[in-house]
Amino acid sequence: MFNAVIYFSTEVGLTTFWCMGTFLSTPLMKGEPNNLRKLEVLYPPCIPTKLPHVFHAKSKFIAGFTFFCVAVSLVIDGSASLEIQKMLGVIAWIFLIGLLIGENKEVRMQVVVAVAFATAGEHFASIYMEGYTYRFGNVPSYIPPGHGMVYLTAVALARSRLFLMNARKLVISVIVIGGLWSLWGISGIPEQGDQVGAFLFCIFIICLFSSITC
């Protein structure tokens, strides 16, 4: 369970900072002028004043609700039957659809793409490559919508006042921490290395700076 928590926190963190770059480089709301594309993380105080209070409130709710659902799911699925696991999947899809209500078309499409890629990745890495396995040798039905909720949480955190006001510090922190963690994974010190993780972190860095400077 501890490893699952670490994985979830890492996925939310890395996705959030990628979303911050993308979010700061696109118009914030429908009808906003295109010159908002020029804003970068160096000037976060310029951003929050343009977002209504309800926007921030919903972002906080999405993040908090997703963290709660993940915690509950980990506890229940630790000893649940396959039937209960499938029920968790149905509930997760309902929650994801509910959270997407009110989001714009761009965010919805991003979530759809995230779910599709994550589902394909899970089946490839777990079922085909057997890099890791779940309890029943399957990909639990709540995993695809769960990835969607994680991505939406990253979007919500990336547009929150706290993250936007501290964007530069947070981005630097995640690069340093993620970089040290990746180096540790390929250093030969841990019993089981993580070369794939280090490679994906490099891809993340490329995507992060590409989205910020676009």
N, C-alpha and C. Protein backbone atom coordinates (compact mmCIF):
# COMPACT_ATOMS: atom_id res chain seq x y z
N MET A 1 0.83 -1.20 0.00
CA MET A 1 0.00 0.00 0.00
C MET A 1 0.87 1.25 0.00
N PHE A 2 2.02 1.19 0.75
CA PHE A 2 2.92 2.33 0.80
C PHE A 2 3.44 2.66 -0.60
N ASN A 3 3.81 1.62 -1.37
CA ASN A 3 4.29 1.85 -2.73
C ASN A 3 3.23 2.48 -3.60
N ALA A 4 1.97 2.07 -3.40
CA ALA A 4 0.87 2.63 -4.17
C ALA A 4 0.69 4.11 -3.85
N VAL A 5 0.84 4.47 -2.57
CA VAL A 5 0.72 5.87 -2.17
C VAL A 5 1.83 6.70 -2.80
N ILE A 6 3.07 6.16 -2.77
CA ILE A 6 4.20 6.86 -3.37
C ILE A 6 3.98 7.06 -4.87
N TYR A 7 3.49 6.00 -5.54
CA TYR A 7 3.23 6.08 -6.98
C TYR A 7 2.19 7.13 -7.28
N PHE A 8 1.09 7.13 -6.50
CA PHE A 8 0.01 8.08 -6.73
C PHE A 8 0.50 9.51 -6.53
N SER A 9 1.24 9.74 -5.44
CA SER A 9 1.75 11.08 -5.17
C SER A 9 2.69 11.55 -6.28
N THR A 10 3.53 10.64 -6.76
CA THR A 10 4.46 10.99 -7.83
C THR A 10 3.72 11.32 -9.11
N GLU A 11 2.71 10.51 -9.45
CA GLU A 11 1.95 10.74 -10.68
C GLU A 11 1.23 12.07 -10.62
N VAL A 12 0.59 12.37 -9.49
CA VAL A 12 -0.10 13.65 -9.36
C VAL A 12 0.89 14.80 -9.44
N GLY A 13 2.02 14.66 -8.75
CA GLY A 13 3.00 15.74 -8.73
C GLY A 13 3.57 16.05 -10.09
N LEU A 14 4.04 15.03 -10.79
CA LEU A 14 4.65 15.26 -12.10
C LEU A 14 3.64 15.76 -13.10
N THR A 15 2.43 15.19 -13.09
CA THR A 15 1.40 15.63 -14.03
C THR A 15 0.98 17.06 -13.73
N THR A 16 0.93 17.42 -12.45
CA THR A 16 0.54 18.77 -12.07
C THR A 16 1.49 19.81 -12.64
N PHE A 17 2.79 19.57 -12.52
CA PHE A 17 3.75 20.56 -12.97
C PHE A 17 3.81 20.63 -14.49
N TRP A 18 3.51 19.53 -15.17
CA TRP A 18 3.38 19.61 -16.63
C TRP A 18 2.16 20.45 -16.98
N CYS A 19 1.06 20.23 -16.25
CA CYS A 19 -0.17 20.98 -16.51
C CYS A 19 0.02 22.47 -16.21
N MET A 20 0.84 22.77 -15.21
CA MET A 20 1.08 24.19 -14.90
C MET A 20 1.69 24.90 -16.09
N GLY A 21 2.63 24.26 -16.76
CA GLY A 21 3.23 24.87 -17.95
C GLY A 21 2.21 25.05 -19.04
N THR A 22 1.40 24.02 -19.27
CA THR A 22 0.38 24.09 -20.31
C THR A 22 -0.68 25.12 -19.97
N PHE A 23 -1.10 25.14 -18.69
CA PHE A 23 -2.17 26.04 -18.27
C PHE A 23 -1.74 27.49 -18.37
N LEU A 24 -0.47 27.77 -18.04
CA LEU A 24 0.01 29.14 -18.08
C LEU A 24 0.30 29.61 -19.50
N SER A 25 0.28 28.69 -20.44
CA SER A 25 0.63 29.07 -21.82
C SER A 25 -0.59 29.06 -22.74
N THR A 26 -1.79 28.93 -22.18
CA THR A 26 -3.01 28.94 -22.98
C THR A 26 -4.01 29.89 -22.35
N PRO A 27 -5.00 30.40 -23.12
CA PRO A 27 -6.01 31.27 -22.55
C PRO A 27 -6.70 30.59 -21.37
N LEU A 28 -6.91 31.33 -20.29
CA LEU A 28 -7.46 30.73 -19.08
C LEU A 28 -8.93 30.39 -19.21
N MET A 29 -9.70 31.22 -19.87
CA MET A 29 -11.13 30.99 -19.98
C MET A 29 -11.59 31.42 -21.37
N LYS A 30 -12.72 30.95 -21.76
CA LYS A 30 -13.24 31.27 -23.08
C LYS A 30 -13.39 32.78 -23.22
N GLY A 31 -12.87 33.31 -24.30
CA GLY A 31 -12.98 34.73 -24.54
C GLY A 31 -11.79 35.54 -24.06
N GLU A 32 -10.85 34.90 -23.31
CA GLU A 32 -9.68 35.63 -22.84
C GLU A 32 -8.78 35.97 -24.05
N PRO A 33 -8.08 37.08 -23.99
CA PRO A 33 -7.21 37.48 -25.11
C PRO A 33 -6.07 36.51 -25.30
N ASN A 34 -5.65 36.38 -26.53
CA ASN A 34 -4.57 35.45 -26.87
C ASN A 34 -3.23 35.85 -26.26
N ASN A 35 -3.09 37.11 -25.82
CA ASN A 35 -1.80 37.50 -25.28
C ASN A 35 -1.51 36.84 -23.94
N LEU A 36 -2.49 36.15 -23.35
CA LEU A 36 -2.22 35.39 -22.14
C LEU A 36 -1.26 34.25 -22.41
N ARG A 37 -1.11 33.89 -23.69
CA ARG A 37 -0.15 32.84 -24.04
C ARG A 37 1.28 33.26 -23.70
N LYS A 38 1.51 34.56 -23.58
CA LYS A 38 2.85 35.05 -23.34
C LYS A 38 3.23 34.96 -21.86
N LEU A 39 2.25 34.72 -20.98
CA LEU A 39 2.55 34.65 -19.56
C LEU A 39 3.34 33.41 -19.24
N GLU A 40 4.33 33.51 -18.36
CA GLU A 40 5.16 32.38 -17.99
C GLU A 40 5.16 32.25 -16.48
N VAL A 41 5.73 31.16 -15.97
CA VAL A 41 5.74 30.92 -14.53
C VAL A 41 6.57 31.96 -13.79
N LEU A 42 7.33 32.77 -14.47
CA LEU A 42 8.10 33.81 -13.81
C LEU A 42 7.21 34.91 -13.27
N TYR A 43 5.95 34.98 -13.75
CA TYR A 43 5.06 36.06 -13.35
C TYR A 43 3.73 35.51 -12.84
N PRO A 44 3.75 34.60 -11.85
CA PRO A 44 2.52 34.00 -11.36
C PRO A 44 1.52 34.98 -10.77
N PRO A 45 1.95 36.11 -10.13
CA PRO A 45 0.95 37.01 -9.56
C PRO A 45 -0.01 37.58 -10.59
N CYS A 46 0.33 37.52 -11.86
CA CYS A 46 -0.54 38.08 -12.89
C CYS A 46 -1.77 37.19 -13.13
N ILE A 47 -1.72 35.93 -12.71
CA ILE A 47 -2.73 34.97 -13.12
C ILE A 47 -3.95 34.88 -12.20
N PRO A 48 -3.79 34.69 -10.87
CA PRO A 48 -4.92 34.38 -10.03
C PRO A 48 -6.05 35.39 -10.05
N THR A 49 -5.74 36.71 -10.26
CA THR A 49 -6.77 37.72 -10.22
C THR A 49 -7.78 37.54 -11.35
N LYS A 50 -7.44 36.79 -12.39
CA LYS A 50 -8.33 36.61 -13.53
C LYS A 50 -9.26 35.42 -13.34
N LEU A 51 -9.05 34.65 -12.26
CA LEU A 51 -9.86 33.48 -12.04
C LEU A 51 -10.90 33.73 -10.96
N PRO A 52 -12.18 33.43 -11.20
CA PRO A 52 -13.22 33.64 -10.20
C PRO A 52 -13.04 32.73 -9.01
N HIS A 53 -13.62 33.13 -7.86
CA HIS A 53 -13.48 32.35 -6.63
C HIS A 53 -14.01 30.94 -6.79
N VAL A 54 -15.11 30.78 -7.51
CA VAL A 54 -15.71 29.46 -7.68
C VAL A 54 -14.76 28.53 -8.43
N PHE A 55 -13.92 29.10 -9.29
CA PHE A 55 -12.95 28.31 -10.04
C PHE A 55 -11.95 27.67 -9.07
N HIS A 56 -11.47 28.46 -8.10
CA HIS A 56 -10.53 27.95 -7.12
C HIS A 56 -11.20 26.95 -6.18
N ALA A 57 -12.44 27.22 -5.80
CA ALA A 57 -13.16 26.33 -4.90
C ALA A 57 -13.34 24.95 -5.53
N LYS A 58 -13.68 24.91 -6.80
CA LYS A 58 -13.88 23.63 -7.48
C LYS A 58 -12.55 22.89 -7.60
N SER A 59 -11.49 23.62 -7.86
CA SER A 59 -10.17 22.98 -7.98
C SER A 59 -9.78 22.30 -6.68
N LYS A 60 -10.03 22.97 -5.56
CA LYS A 60 -9.73 22.39 -4.25
C LYS A 60 -10.58 21.15 -4.00
N PHE A 61 -11.84 21.21 -4.41
CA PHE A 61 -12.73 20.07 -4.19
C PHE A 61 -12.27 18.87 -5.01
N ILE A 62 -11.92 19.09 -6.27
CA ILE A 62 -11.47 18.00 -7.13
C ILE A 62 -10.25 17.32 -6.54
N ALA A 63 -9.27 18.11 -6.11
CA ALA A 63 -8.04 17.56 -5.55
C ALA A 63 -8.32 16.78 -4.27
N GLY A 64 -9.07 17.38 -3.36
CA GLY A 64 -9.37 16.72 -2.09
C GLY A 64 -10.19 15.46 -2.28
N PHE A 65 -11.17 15.52 -3.17
CA PHE A 65 -12.05 14.37 -3.39
C PHE A 65 -11.28 13.21 -4.01
N THR A 66 -10.39 13.51 -4.94
CA THR A 66 -9.60 12.46 -5.58
C THR A 66 -8.67 11.78 -4.58
N PHE A 67 -7.99 12.55 -3.77
CA PHE A 67 -7.11 11.97 -2.75
C PHE A 67 -7.91 11.08 -1.80
N PHE A 68 -9.10 11.52 -1.43
CA PHE A 68 -9.96 10.73 -0.54
C PHE A 68 -10.36 9.42 -1.21
N CYS A 69 -10.77 9.49 -2.47
CA CYS A 69 -11.21 8.29 -3.19
C CYS A 69 -10.07 7.29 -3.35
N VAL A 70 -8.88 7.78 -3.63
CA VAL A 70 -7.73 6.88 -3.78
C VAL A 70 -7.43 6.17 -2.47
N ALA A 71 -7.47 6.91 -1.37
CA ALA A 71 -7.20 6.31 -0.06
C ALA A 71 -8.22 5.23 0.27
N VAL A 72 -9.49 5.53 0.04
CA VAL A 72 -10.56 4.56 0.32
C VAL A 72 -10.43 3.34 -0.59
N SER A 73 -10.14 3.56 -1.85
CA SER A 73 -10.01 2.45 -2.81
C SER A 73 -8.87 1.51 -2.43
N LEU A 74 -7.74 2.09 -1.99
CA LEU A 74 -6.60 1.26 -1.60
C LEU A 74 -6.94 0.38 -0.41
N VAL A 75 -7.68 0.94 0.52
CA VAL A 75 -8.06 0.18 1.72
C VAL A 75 -9.04 -0.93 1.35
N ILE A 76 -10.06 -0.60 0.56
CA ILE A 76 -11.10 -1.58 0.21
C ILE A 76 -10.54 -2.68 -0.67
N ASP A 77 -9.77 -2.28 -1.69
CA ASP A 77 -9.29 -3.27 -2.66
C ASP A 77 -8.20 -4.17 -2.10
N GLY A 78 -7.66 -3.82 -0.96
CA GLY A 78 -6.62 -4.64 -0.37
C GLY A 78 -7.08 -6.05 -0.04
N SER A 79 -8.39 -6.20 0.23
CA SER A 79 -8.93 -7.52 0.58
C SER A 79 -10.28 -7.80 -0.07
N ALA A 80 -10.64 -6.97 -1.06
CA ALA A 80 -11.96 -7.10 -1.68
C ALA A 80 -11.99 -8.22 -2.72
N SER A 81 -13.19 -8.68 -3.02
CA SER A 81 -13.38 -9.69 -4.06
C SER A 81 -13.36 -9.03 -5.42
N LEU A 82 -13.33 -9.85 -6.47
CA LEU A 82 -13.33 -9.32 -7.83
C LEU A 82 -14.62 -8.55 -8.11
N GLU A 83 -15.73 -9.01 -7.54
CA GLU A 83 -17.01 -8.33 -7.75
C GLU A 83 -16.99 -6.92 -7.15
N ILE A 84 -16.43 -6.82 -5.95
CA ILE A 84 -16.34 -5.51 -5.32
C ILE A 84 -15.39 -4.61 -6.10
N GLN A 85 -14.32 -5.19 -6.62
CA GLN A 85 -13.38 -4.43 -7.43
C GLN A 85 -14.08 -3.85 -8.66
N LYS A 86 -14.92 -4.66 -9.29
CA LYS A 86 -15.67 -4.17 -10.44
C LYS A 86 -16.65 -3.06 -10.03
N MET A 87 -17.24 -3.20 -8.85
CA MET A 87 -18.15 -2.17 -8.35
C MET A 87 -17.41 -0.85 -8.13
N LEU A 88 -16.19 -0.96 -7.62
CA LEU A 88 -15.37 0.24 -7.45
C LEU A 88 -15.12 0.91 -8.80
N GLY A 89 -14.98 0.10 -9.85
CA GLY A 89 -14.80 0.64 -11.18
C GLY A 89 -16.00 1.45 -11.65
N VAL A 90 -17.18 0.92 -11.43
CA VAL A 90 -18.41 1.62 -11.81
C VAL A 90 -18.51 2.94 -11.06
N ILE A 91 -18.25 2.89 -9.76
CA ILE A 91 -18.32 4.11 -8.94
C ILE A 91 -17.29 5.13 -9.41
N ALA A 92 -16.09 4.66 -9.75
CA ALA A 92 -15.03 5.57 -10.20
C ALA A 92 -15.42 6.28 -11.49
N TRP A 93 -16.04 5.54 -12.43
CA TRP A 93 -16.49 6.17 -13.67
C TRP A 93 -17.55 7.22 -13.40
N ILE A 94 -18.46 6.93 -12.48
CA ILE A 94 -19.51 7.90 -12.13
C ILE A 94 -18.88 9.16 -11.54
N PHE A 95 -17.91 8.97 -10.64
CA PHE A 95 -17.25 10.11 -10.02
C PHE A 95 -16.50 10.94 -11.06
N LEU A 96 -15.80 10.27 -11.98
CA LEU A 96 -15.03 11.00 -12.99
C LEU A 96 -15.96 11.83 -13.87
N ILE A 97 -17.03 11.23 -14.32
CA ILE A 97 -17.99 11.96 -15.16
C ILE A 97 -18.57 13.14 -14.39
N GLY A 98 -18.86 12.94 -13.11
CA GLY A 98 -19.40 14.02 -12.29
C GLY A 98 -18.41 15.17 -12.14
N LEU A 99 -17.15 14.84 -11.94
CA LEU A 99 -16.13 15.88 -11.77
C LEU A 99 -15.90 16.67 -13.06
N LEU A 100 -16.17 16.03 -14.20
CA LEU A 100 -15.95 16.70 -15.48
C LEU A 100 -17.08 17.67 -15.84
N ILE A 101 -18.19 17.59 -15.10
CA ILE A 101 -19.29 18.52 -15.35
C ILE A 101 -18.83 19.95 -15.04
N GLY A 102 -18.99 20.82 -15.98
CA GLY A 102 -18.58 22.20 -15.79
C GLY A 102 -17.21 22.51 -16.36
N GLU A 103 -16.44 21.46 -16.66
CA GLU A 103 -15.13 21.70 -17.27
C GLU A 103 -15.32 22.00 -18.76
N ASN A 104 -14.37 22.72 -19.33
CA ASN A 104 -14.50 23.05 -20.74
C ASN A 104 -14.13 21.86 -21.62
N LYS A 105 -14.34 22.04 -22.92
CA LYS A 105 -14.12 20.96 -23.88
C LYS A 105 -12.66 20.51 -23.90
N GLU A 106 -11.75 21.48 -23.77
CA GLU A 106 -10.33 21.15 -23.83
C GLU A 106 -9.92 20.22 -22.69
N VAL A 107 -10.37 20.54 -21.49
CA VAL A 107 -10.03 19.72 -20.32
C VAL A 107 -10.64 18.33 -20.45
N ARG A 108 -11.87 18.27 -20.91
CA ARG A 108 -12.53 16.96 -21.07
C ARG A 108 -11.77 16.09 -22.06
N MET A 109 -11.35 16.68 -23.17
CA MET A 109 -10.63 15.91 -24.17
C MET A 109 -9.27 15.47 -23.64
N GLN A 110 -8.62 16.32 -22.86
CA GLN A 110 -7.35 15.95 -22.25
C GLN A 110 -7.53 14.75 -21.33
N VAL A 111 -8.60 14.73 -20.57
CA VAL A 111 -8.87 13.62 -19.66
C VAL A 111 -9.13 12.34 -20.45
N VAL A 112 -9.89 12.45 -21.53
CA VAL A 112 -10.16 11.29 -22.37
C VAL A 112 -8.87 10.70 -22.91
N VAL A 113 -8.00 11.58 -23.42
CA VAL A 113 -6.72 11.12 -23.95
C VAL A 113 -5.87 10.50 -22.85
N ALA A 114 -5.87 11.11 -21.68
CA ALA A 114 -5.09 10.59 -20.54
C ALA A 114 -5.57 9.20 -20.16
N VAL A 115 -6.88 9.01 -20.10
CA VAL A 115 -7.45 7.71 -19.76
C VAL A 115 -7.07 6.67 -20.81
N ALA A 116 -7.16 7.04 -22.07
CA ALA A 116 -6.85 6.11 -23.16
C ALA A 116 -5.38 5.66 -23.10
N PHE A 117 -4.48 6.63 -22.95
CA PHE A 117 -3.05 6.30 -22.89
C PHE A 117 -2.72 5.50 -21.63
N ALA A 118 -3.30 5.89 -20.52
CA ALA A 118 -3.03 5.19 -19.27
C ALA A 118 -3.53 3.75 -19.32
N THR A 119 -4.71 3.56 -19.90
CA THR A 119 -5.28 2.21 -20.01
C THR A 119 -4.40 1.33 -20.89
N ALA A 120 -3.98 1.88 -22.02
CA ALA A 120 -3.10 1.13 -22.91
C ALA A 120 -1.78 0.82 -22.22
N GLY A 121 -1.24 1.79 -21.50
CA GLY A 121 0.01 1.60 -20.78
C GLY A 121 -0.10 0.55 -19.69
N GLU A 122 -1.19 0.56 -18.98
CA GLU A 122 -1.41 -0.43 -17.91
C GLU A 122 -1.45 -1.84 -18.49
N HIS A 123 -2.19 -2.01 -19.56
CA HIS A 123 -2.30 -3.35 -20.17
C HIS A 123 -0.96 -3.80 -20.75
N PHE A 124 -0.22 -2.87 -21.33
CA PHE A 124 1.06 -3.24 -21.91
C PHE A 124 2.07 -3.60 -20.82
N ALA A 125 2.18 -2.73 -19.81
CA ALA A 125 3.20 -2.93 -18.78
C ALA A 125 2.85 -4.07 -17.82
N SER A 126 1.56 -4.21 -17.51
CA SER A 126 1.17 -5.22 -16.52
C SER A 126 0.80 -6.56 -17.15
N ILE A 127 -0.12 -6.54 -18.10
CA ILE A 127 -0.60 -7.78 -18.69
C ILE A 127 0.41 -8.38 -19.67
N TYR A 128 0.93 -7.55 -20.57
CA TYR A 128 1.82 -8.06 -21.62
C TYR A 128 3.27 -8.22 -21.13
N MET A 129 3.84 -7.16 -20.59
CA MET A 129 5.24 -7.20 -20.16
C MET A 129 5.41 -7.84 -18.78
N GLU A 130 4.35 -7.88 -18.01
CA GLU A 130 4.39 -8.42 -16.64
C GLU A 130 5.42 -7.69 -15.78
N GLY A 131 5.52 -6.38 -16.02
CA GLY A 131 6.41 -5.57 -15.21
C GLY A 131 5.93 -5.46 -13.77
N TYR A 132 4.64 -5.54 -13.59
CA TYR A 132 4.00 -5.59 -12.28
C TYR A 132 2.66 -6.26 -12.45
N THR A 133 2.11 -6.80 -11.40
CA THR A 133 0.83 -7.51 -11.49
C THR A 133 -0.10 -7.06 -10.38
N TYR A 134 -1.37 -7.05 -10.69
CA TYR A 134 -2.39 -6.77 -9.69
C TYR A 134 -2.85 -8.09 -9.06
N ARG A 135 -3.64 -7.99 -8.02
CA ARG A 135 -4.00 -9.18 -7.24
C ARG A 135 -4.67 -10.27 -8.06
N PHE A 136 -5.53 -9.88 -8.97
CA PHE A 136 -6.27 -10.86 -9.77
C PHE A 136 -5.67 -11.05 -11.16
N GLY A 137 -4.47 -10.54 -11.38
CA GLY A 137 -3.82 -10.70 -12.67
C GLY A 137 -4.47 -9.90 -13.78
N ASN A 138 -5.25 -8.91 -13.41
CA ASN A 138 -5.95 -8.08 -14.39
C ASN A 138 -5.57 -6.62 -14.19
N VAL A 139 -6.19 -5.75 -14.95
CA VAL A 139 -6.12 -4.32 -14.68
C VAL A 139 -7.46 -3.95 -14.05
N PRO A 140 -7.49 -3.66 -12.75
CA PRO A 140 -8.75 -3.35 -12.07
C PRO A 140 -9.57 -2.32 -12.82
N SER A 141 -10.87 -2.51 -12.80
CA SER A 141 -11.75 -1.64 -13.58
C SER A 141 -11.75 -0.19 -13.10
N TYR A 142 -11.29 0.04 -11.87
CA TYR A 142 -11.26 1.42 -11.39
C TYR A 142 -9.98 2.15 -11.78
N ILE A 143 -9.02 1.42 -12.35
CA ILE A 143 -7.74 2.03 -12.72
C ILE A 143 -7.88 3.06 -13.85
N PRO A 144 -8.56 2.73 -14.98
CA PRO A 144 -8.70 3.74 -16.05
C PRO A 144 -9.37 5.03 -15.59
N PRO A 145 -10.56 4.97 -14.97
CA PRO A 145 -11.16 6.23 -14.50
C PRO A 145 -10.34 6.88 -13.40
N GLY A 146 -9.62 6.04 -12.63
CA GLY A 146 -8.75 6.59 -11.60
C GLY A 146 -7.65 7.45 -12.18
N HIS A 147 -7.08 7.01 -13.30
CA HIS A 147 -6.07 7.82 -13.99
C HIS A 147 -6.68 9.12 -14.48
N GLY A 148 -7.93 9.06 -14.92
CA GLY A 148 -8.61 10.28 -15.34
C GLY A 148 -8.78 11.26 -14.20
N MET A 149 -9.15 10.74 -13.03
CA MET A 149 -9.30 11.60 -11.85
C MET A 149 -7.96 12.18 -11.42
N VAL A 150 -6.90 11.38 -11.54
CA VAL A 150 -5.56 11.86 -11.19
C VAL A 150 -5.15 13.00 -12.13
N TYR A 151 -5.39 12.82 -13.43
CA TYR A 151 -5.04 13.87 -14.38
C TYR A 151 -5.85 15.13 -14.12
N LEU A 152 -7.15 14.96 -13.85
CA LEU A 152 -8.00 16.12 -13.57
C LEU A 152 -7.56 16.81 -12.29
N THR A 153 -7.10 16.04 -11.33
CA THR A 153 -6.56 16.62 -10.09
C THR A 153 -5.34 17.46 -10.40
N ALA A 154 -4.49 16.96 -11.29
CA ALA A 154 -3.30 17.72 -11.68
C ALA A 154 -3.69 19.04 -12.33
N VAL A 155 -4.71 19.01 -13.19
CA VAL A 155 -5.19 20.23 -13.82
C VAL A 155 -5.71 21.20 -12.76
N ALA A 156 -6.47 20.65 -11.80
CA ALA A 156 -7.05 21.48 -10.74
C ALA A 156 -5.97 22.12 -9.88
N LEU A 157 -4.96 21.35 -9.52
CA LEU A 157 -3.87 21.90 -8.71
C LEU A 157 -3.07 22.94 -9.49
N ALA A 158 -2.87 22.67 -10.77
CA ALA A 158 -2.07 23.57 -11.60
C ALA A 158 -2.73 24.94 -11.76
N ARG A 159 -4.04 25.00 -11.67
CA ARG A 159 -4.73 26.28 -11.83
C ARG A 159 -5.14 26.88 -10.49
N SER A 160 -4.79 26.24 -9.39
CA SER A 160 -5.16 26.75 -8.07
C SER A 160 -4.31 27.96 -7.71
N ARG A 161 -4.84 28.80 -6.86
CA ARG A 161 -4.15 30.02 -6.46
C ARG A 161 -2.82 29.72 -5.78
N LEU A 162 -2.80 28.70 -4.92
CA LEU A 162 -1.58 28.35 -4.20
C LEU A 162 -0.45 27.98 -5.15
N PHE A 163 -0.75 27.15 -6.13
CA PHE A 163 0.28 26.70 -7.07
C PHE A 163 0.69 27.82 -8.02
N LEU A 164 -0.26 28.62 -8.46
CA LEU A 164 0.07 29.70 -9.38
C LEU A 164 0.90 30.79 -8.71
N MET A 165 0.61 31.07 -7.44
CA MET A 165 1.36 32.09 -6.72
C MET A 165 2.77 31.64 -6.39
N ASN A 166 2.98 30.32 -6.35
CA ASN A 166 4.30 29.78 -6.01
C ASN A 166 4.85 28.91 -7.13
N ALA A 167 4.46 29.23 -8.36
CA ALA A 167 4.77 28.38 -9.50
C ALA A 167 6.26 28.14 -9.68
N ARG A 168 7.04 29.19 -9.64
CA ARG A 168 8.46 29.04 -9.91
C ARG A 168 9.14 28.17 -8.85
N LYS A 169 8.83 28.42 -7.58
CA LYS A 169 9.42 27.64 -6.49
C LYS A 169 9.02 26.17 -6.59
N LEU A 170 7.76 25.92 -6.92
CA LEU A 170 7.27 24.56 -6.99
C LEU A 170 7.91 23.80 -8.16
N VAL A 171 8.03 24.48 -9.29
CA VAL A 171 8.63 23.83 -10.46
C VAL A 171 10.09 23.48 -10.18
N ILE A 172 10.82 24.42 -9.59
CA ILE A 172 12.22 24.15 -9.25
C ILE A 172 12.31 22.98 -8.26
N SER A 173 11.42 22.97 -7.28
CA SER A 173 11.44 21.91 -6.27
C SER A 173 11.20 20.54 -6.88
N VAL A 174 10.21 20.44 -7.76
CA VAL A 174 9.90 19.13 -8.33
C VAL A 174 11.01 18.66 -9.27
N ILE A 175 11.67 19.60 -9.95
CA ILE A 175 12.78 19.21 -10.83
C ILE A 175 13.94 18.67 -10.00
N VAL A 176 14.24 19.35 -8.89
CA VAL A 176 15.35 18.92 -8.03
C VAL A 176 15.04 17.58 -7.37
N ILE A 177 13.86 17.48 -6.75
CA ILE A 177 13.49 16.26 -6.05
C ILE A 177 13.35 15.08 -7.02
N GLY A 178 12.65 15.33 -8.14
CA GLY A 178 12.48 14.28 -9.14
C GLY A 178 13.81 13.85 -9.75
N GLY A 179 14.70 14.83 -9.96
CA GLY A 179 16.00 14.51 -10.52
C GLY A 179 16.85 13.67 -9.59
N LEU A 180 16.86 14.03 -8.30
CA LEU A 180 17.61 13.26 -7.31
C LEU A 180 17.05 11.85 -7.17
N TRP A 181 15.70 11.75 -7.20
CA TRP A 181 15.06 10.44 -7.10
C TRP A 181 15.42 9.57 -8.31
N SER A 182 15.44 10.17 -9.49
CA SER A 182 15.79 9.43 -10.70
C SER A 182 17.25 8.97 -10.67
N LEU A 183 18.14 9.85 -10.21
CA LEU A 183 19.55 9.48 -10.09
C LEU A 183 19.74 8.34 -9.10
N TRP A 184 18.98 8.37 -8.03
CA TRP A 184 19.04 7.29 -7.04
C TRP A 184 18.62 5.97 -7.68
N GLY A 185 17.62 6.02 -8.56
CA GLY A 185 17.12 4.81 -9.19
C GLY A 185 18.11 4.16 -10.13
N ILE A 186 19.02 4.95 -10.70
CA ILE A 186 19.99 4.39 -11.65
C ILE A 186 21.41 4.36 -11.07
N SER A 187 21.53 4.67 -9.78
CA SER A 187 22.86 4.74 -9.15
C SER A 187 23.45 3.38 -8.84
N GLY A 188 22.61 2.36 -8.80
CA GLY A 188 23.10 1.04 -8.43
C GLY A 188 23.03 0.77 -6.94
N ILE A 189 22.68 1.79 -6.16
CA ILE A 189 22.57 1.63 -4.71
C ILE A 189 21.33 0.83 -4.31
N PRO A 190 20.14 1.18 -4.84
CA PRO A 190 18.96 0.38 -4.48
C PRO A 190 19.03 -1.01 -5.08
N GLU A 191 18.42 -1.97 -4.40
CA GLU A 191 18.45 -3.35 -4.87
C GLU A 191 17.80 -3.50 -6.23
N GLN A 192 16.70 -2.79 -6.43
CA GLN A 192 16.00 -2.84 -7.72
C GLN A 192 16.05 -1.46 -8.36
N GLY A 193 16.77 -1.32 -9.46
CA GLY A 193 16.91 -0.03 -10.12
C GLY A 193 15.65 0.40 -10.85
N ASP A 194 15.68 1.63 -11.33
CA ASP A 194 14.51 2.15 -12.04
C ASP A 194 14.99 2.99 -13.22
N GLN A 195 15.52 2.30 -14.23
CA GLN A 195 16.00 2.99 -15.43
C GLN A 195 14.85 3.60 -16.22
N VAL A 196 13.72 2.89 -16.25
CA VAL A 196 12.55 3.39 -16.98
C VAL A 196 12.05 4.68 -16.34
N GLY A 197 12.03 4.72 -15.01
CA GLY A 197 11.59 5.92 -14.31
C GLY A 197 12.47 7.12 -14.63
N ALA A 198 13.78 6.89 -14.68
CA ALA A 198 14.71 7.98 -15.02
C ALA A 198 14.49 8.46 -16.44
N PHE A 199 14.24 7.53 -17.36
CA PHE A 199 13.98 7.89 -18.75
C PHE A 199 12.70 8.71 -18.86
N LEU A 200 11.65 8.29 -18.16
CA LEU A 200 10.38 9.01 -18.20
C LEU A 200 10.50 10.39 -17.55
N PHE A 201 11.36 10.50 -16.54
CA PHE A 201 11.57 11.80 -15.91
C PHE A 201 12.21 12.76 -16.91
N CYS A 202 13.13 12.27 -17.73
CA CYS A 202 13.73 13.10 -18.77
C CYS A 202 12.69 13.56 -19.77
N ILE A 203 11.77 12.66 -20.13
CA ILE A 203 10.67 13.03 -21.04
C ILE A 203 9.80 14.09 -20.40
N PHE A 204 9.55 13.92 -19.10
CA PHE A 204 8.75 14.89 -18.36
C PHE A 204 9.38 16.28 -18.39
N ILE A 205 10.70 16.34 -18.18
CA ILE A 205 11.41 17.62 -18.19
C ILE A 205 11.28 18.29 -19.55
N ILE A 206 11.43 17.50 -20.61
CA ILE A 206 11.31 18.05 -21.96
C ILE A 206 9.90 18.61 -22.19
N CYS A 207 8.90 17.85 -21.78
CA CYS A 207 7.49 18.30 -21.94
C CYS A 207 7.22 19.54 -21.10
N LEU A 208 7.77 19.56 -19.88
CA LEU A 208 7.55 20.68 -18.98
C LEU A 208 8.06 21.98 -19.58
N PHE A 209 9.31 22.00 -20.02
CA PHE A 209 9.88 23.22 -20.56
C PHE A 209 9.30 23.57 -21.93
N SER A 210 8.89 22.57 -22.68
CA SER A 210 8.26 22.84 -23.96
C SER A 210 6.92 23.52 -23.77
N SER A 211 6.15 23.08 -22.75
CA SER A 211 4.83 23.67 -22.51
C SER A 211 4.95 25.06 -21.92
N ILE A 212 5.98 25.30 -21.09
CA ILE A 212 6.14 26.60 -20.48
C ILE A 212 6.56 27.66 -21.49
N THR A 213 7.41 27.30 -22.44
CA THR A 213 7.97 28.28 -23.37
C THR A 213 7.24 28.36 -24.68
N CYS A 214 6.12 27.60 -24.86
CA CYS A 214 5.43 27.63 -26.15
C CYS A 214 4.74 28.96 -26.38
